[in-house]
Amino acid sequence: EVVAQRKDGSTFPCVLGLSKCRKSGMICGFIRDLSAVMASKAVIMEKNNQLIKKEAELKSKDTKTKEIMSNLIRNQSVVTGVLDASFHSLFVIDENCIIQM
């Protein structure tokens, strides 16, 4: 990769290739502008970074979801245990699993 200069003075990244013709001995040059390739790479890198960030957010949410589900199952077990052990009592269990008479 090299940096080339346009007629207007602006520069751009490119690949430069040289080849010598066997019969005439002339040298031919080939140049490929990499501006679009570099711009595409930048977009891909940005999208990749966004995906990495989103993946981390989802893993964090997944951990929180598992924690909430675990708490709900535990709370359900407590309520089920209390109900199974009770004899038709009337009571209320609040959101902290505390029995209120």
C-alpha atoms as a PDB file:
ATOM      1  CA  GLU A   1       0.000   0.000   0.000  1.00  0.00           C
ATOM      2  CA  VAL A   2       1.182   3.476  -0.859  1.00  0.00           C
ATOM      3  CA  VAL A   3      -0.310   6.936  -0.880  1.00  0.00           C
ATOM      4  CA  ALA A   4      -0.803   8.493  -4.301  1.00  0.00           C
ATOM      5  CA  GLN A   5      -1.651  12.044  -5.308  1.00  0.00           C
ATOM      6  CA  ARG A   6      -4.371  13.094  -7.730  1.00  0.00           C
ATOM      7  CA  LYS A   7      -4.041  15.939 -10.202  1.00  0.00           C
ATOM      8  CA  ASP A   8      -6.053  18.154  -7.835  1.00  0.00           C
ATOM      9  CA  GLY A   9      -3.489  17.539  -5.072  1.00  0.00           C
ATOM     10  CA  SER A  10      -5.643  15.275  -2.917  1.00  0.00           C
ATOM     11  CA  THR A  11      -4.122  12.001  -1.761  1.00  0.00           C
ATOM     12  CA  PHE A  12      -5.562   8.501  -1.607  1.00  0.00           C
ATOM     13  CA  PRO A  13      -4.445   5.045  -0.511  1.00  0.00           C
ATOM     14  CA  CYS A  14      -3.639   2.669  -3.335  1.00  0.00           C
ATOM     15  CA  VAL A  15      -1.850  -0.466  -4.426  1.00  0.00           C
ATOM     16  CA  LEU A  16       0.806   0.030  -7.040  1.00  0.00           C
ATOM     17  CA  GLY A  17       1.961  -2.742  -9.342  1.00  0.00           C
ATOM     18  CA  LEU A  18       4.733  -2.720 -11.902  1.00  0.00           C
ATOM     19  CA  SER A  19       5.327  -5.177 -14.719  1.00  0.00           C
ATOM     20  CA  LYS A  20       8.003  -5.326 -17.397  1.00  0.00           C
ATOM     21  CA  CYS A  21       7.049  -6.398 -20.905  1.00  0.00           C
ATOM     22  CA  ARG A  22       9.424  -9.114 -22.096  1.00  0.00           C
ATOM     23  CA  LYS A  23       9.571  -8.150 -25.772  1.00  0.00           C
ATOM     24  CA  SER A  24       9.703  -4.371 -25.596  1.00  0.00           C
ATOM     25  CA  GLY A  25      11.306  -3.971 -22.195  1.00  0.00           C
ATOM     26  CA  MET A  26       8.740  -1.313 -21.356  1.00  0.00           C
ATOM     27  CA  ILE A  27       7.474  -1.076 -17.805  1.00  0.00           C
ATOM     28  CA  CYS A  28       3.733  -0.894 -17.214  1.00  0.00           C
ATOM     29  CA  GLY A  29       2.319   0.467 -13.999  1.00  0.00           C
ATOM     30  CA  PHE A  30      -0.999  -0.456 -12.455  1.00  0.00           C
ATOM     31  CA  ILE A  31      -2.665   1.507  -9.719  1.00  0.00           C
ATOM     32  CA  ARG A  32      -5.731   0.551  -7.697  1.00  0.00           C
ATOM     33  CA  ASP A  33      -7.483   3.180  -5.599  1.00  0.00           C
ATOM     34  CA  LEU A  34      -8.232   1.727  -2.149  1.00  0.00           C
ATOM     35  CA  SER A  35     -10.377   4.635  -0.913  1.00  0.00           C
ATOM     36  CA  ALA A  36     -13.620   2.670  -1.215  1.00  0.00           C
ATOM     37  CA  VAL A  37     -12.009  -0.440   0.293  1.00  0.00           C
ATOM     38  CA  MET A  38     -10.703   1.555   3.260  1.00  0.00           C
ATOM     39  CA  ALA A  39     -14.094   3.224   3.742  1.00  0.00           C
ATOM     40  CA  SER A  40     -15.789  -0.186   3.661  1.00  0.00           C
ATOM     41  CA  LYS A  41     -13.284  -1.552   6.176  1.00  0.00           C
ATOM     42  CA  ALA A  42     -14.004   1.397   8.474  1.00  0.00           C
ATOM     43  CA  VAL A  43     -17.755   0.732   8.255  1.00  0.00           C
ATOM     44  CA  ILE A  44     -17.219  -2.967   8.916  1.00  0.00           C
ATOM     45  CA  MET A  45     -15.008  -2.196  11.938  1.00  0.00           C
ATOM     46  CA  GLU A  46     -17.636   0.199  13.320  1.00  0.00           C
ATOM     47  CA  LYS A  47     -20.412  -2.362  12.808  1.00  0.00           C
ATOM     48  CA  ASN A  48     -18.230  -5.018  14.451  1.00  0.00           C
ATOM     49  CA  ASN A  49     -17.645  -2.752  17.451  1.00  0.00           C
ATOM     50  CA  GLN A  50     -21.388  -2.123  17.693  1.00  0.00           C
ATOM     51  CA  LEU A  51     -22.038  -5.888  17.620  1.00  0.00           C
ATOM     52  CA  ILE A  52     -19.459  -6.488  20.354  1.00  0.00           C
ATOM     53  CA  LYS A  53     -21.091  -3.790  22.490  1.00  0.00           C
ATOM     54  CA  LYS A  54     -24.582  -5.199  21.829  1.00  0.00           C
ATOM     55  CA  GLU A  55     -23.389  -8.717  22.673  1.00  0.00           C
ATOM     56  CA  ALA A  56     -22.023  -7.466  26.003  1.00  0.00           C
ATOM     57  CA  GLU A  57     -25.336  -5.708  26.728  1.00  0.00           C
ATOM     58  CA  LEU A  58     -27.291  -8.866  25.914  1.00  0.00           C
ATOM     59  CA  LYS A  59     -25.031 -11.007  28.099  1.00  0.00           C
ATOM     60  CA  SER A  60     -25.551  -8.520  30.917  1.00  0.00           C
ATOM     61  CA  LYS A  61     -29.320  -8.620  30.393  1.00  0.00           C
ATOM     62  CA  ASP A  62     -29.209 -12.407  30.152  1.00  0.00           C
ATOM     63  CA  THR A  63     -27.452 -12.581  33.531  1.00  0.00           C
ATOM     64  CA  LYS A  64     -30.022 -10.210  35.032  1.00  0.00           C
ATOM     65  CA  THR A  65     -32.859 -12.238  33.506  1.00  0.00           C
ATOM     66  CA  LYS A  66     -31.470 -15.473  34.957  1.00  0.00           C
ATOM     67  CA  GLU A  67     -31.174 -13.786  38.351  1.00  0.00           C
ATOM     68  CA  ILE A  68     -34.779 -12.526  38.199  1.00  0.00           C
ATOM     69  CA  MET A  69     -36.046 -15.951  37.106  1.00  0.00           C
ATOM     70  CA  SER A  70     -34.121 -17.606  39.923  1.00  0.00           C
ATOM     71  CA  ASN A  71     -35.688 -15.202  42.433  1.00  0.00           C
ATOM     72  CA  LEU A  72     -39.159 -15.831  41.015  1.00  0.00           C
ATOM     73  CA  ILE A  73     -38.719 -19.596  41.254  1.00  0.00           C
ATOM     74  CA  ARG A  74     -37.420 -19.263  44.806  1.00  0.00           C
ATOM     75  CA  ASN A  75     -40.359 -17.028  45.751  1.00  0.00           C
ATOM     76  CA  GLN A  76     -42.791 -19.452  44.138  1.00  0.00           C
ATOM     77  CA  SER A  77     -41.262 -22.287  46.149  1.00  0.00           C
ATOM     78  CA  VAL A  78     -41.720 -20.313  49.358  1.00  0.00           C
ATOM     79  CA  VAL A  79     -45.347 -19.523  48.542  1.00  0.00           C
ATOM     80  CA  THR A  80     -46.064 -23.121  47.534  1.00  0.00           C
ATOM     81  CA  GLY A  81     -44.441 -24.396  50.744  1.00  0.00           C
ATOM     82  CA  VAL A  82     -46.473 -22.023  52.903  1.00  0.00           C
ATOM     83  CA  LEU A  83     -49.698 -22.909  51.121  1.00  0.00           C
ATOM     84  CA  ASP A  84     -49.010 -26.628  51.364  1.00  0.00           C
ATOM     85  CA  ALA A  85     -48.314 -26.310  55.110  1.00  0.00           C
ATOM     86  CA  SER A  86     -51.328 -24.149  55.913  1.00  0.00           C
ATOM     87  CA  PHE A  87     -54.799 -25.228  56.969  1.00  0.00           C
ATOM     88  CA  HIS A  88     -57.149 -22.938  55.080  1.00  0.00           C
ATOM     89  CA  SER A  89     -55.751 -19.858  56.766  1.00  0.00           C
ATOM     90  CA  LEU A  90     -56.374 -16.433  55.302  1.00  0.00           C
ATOM     91  CA  PHE A  91     -53.254 -14.408  54.840  1.00  0.00           C
ATOM     92  CA  VAL A  92     -51.420 -12.283  52.286  1.00  0.00           C
ATOM     93  CA  ILE A  93     -47.836 -12.698  51.167  1.00  0.00           C
ATOM     94  CA  ASP A  94     -46.259  -9.413  50.086  1.00  0.00           C
ATOM     95  CA  GLU A  95     -43.644  -8.927  47.318  1.00  0.00           C
ATOM     96  CA  ASN A  96     -40.862  -9.653  49.845  1.00  0.00           C
ATOM     97  CA  CYS A  97     -42.448 -13.039  50.646  1.00  0.00           C
ATOM     98  CA  ILE A  98     -43.466 -11.843  54.096  1.00  0.00           C
ATOM     99  CA  ILE A  99     -46.754 -13.234  55.414  1.00  0.00           C
ATOM    100  CA  GLN A 100     -49.207 -10.533  56.441  1.00  0.00           C
ATOM    101  CA  MET A 101     -52.171 -11.543  58.617  1.00  0.00           C
END
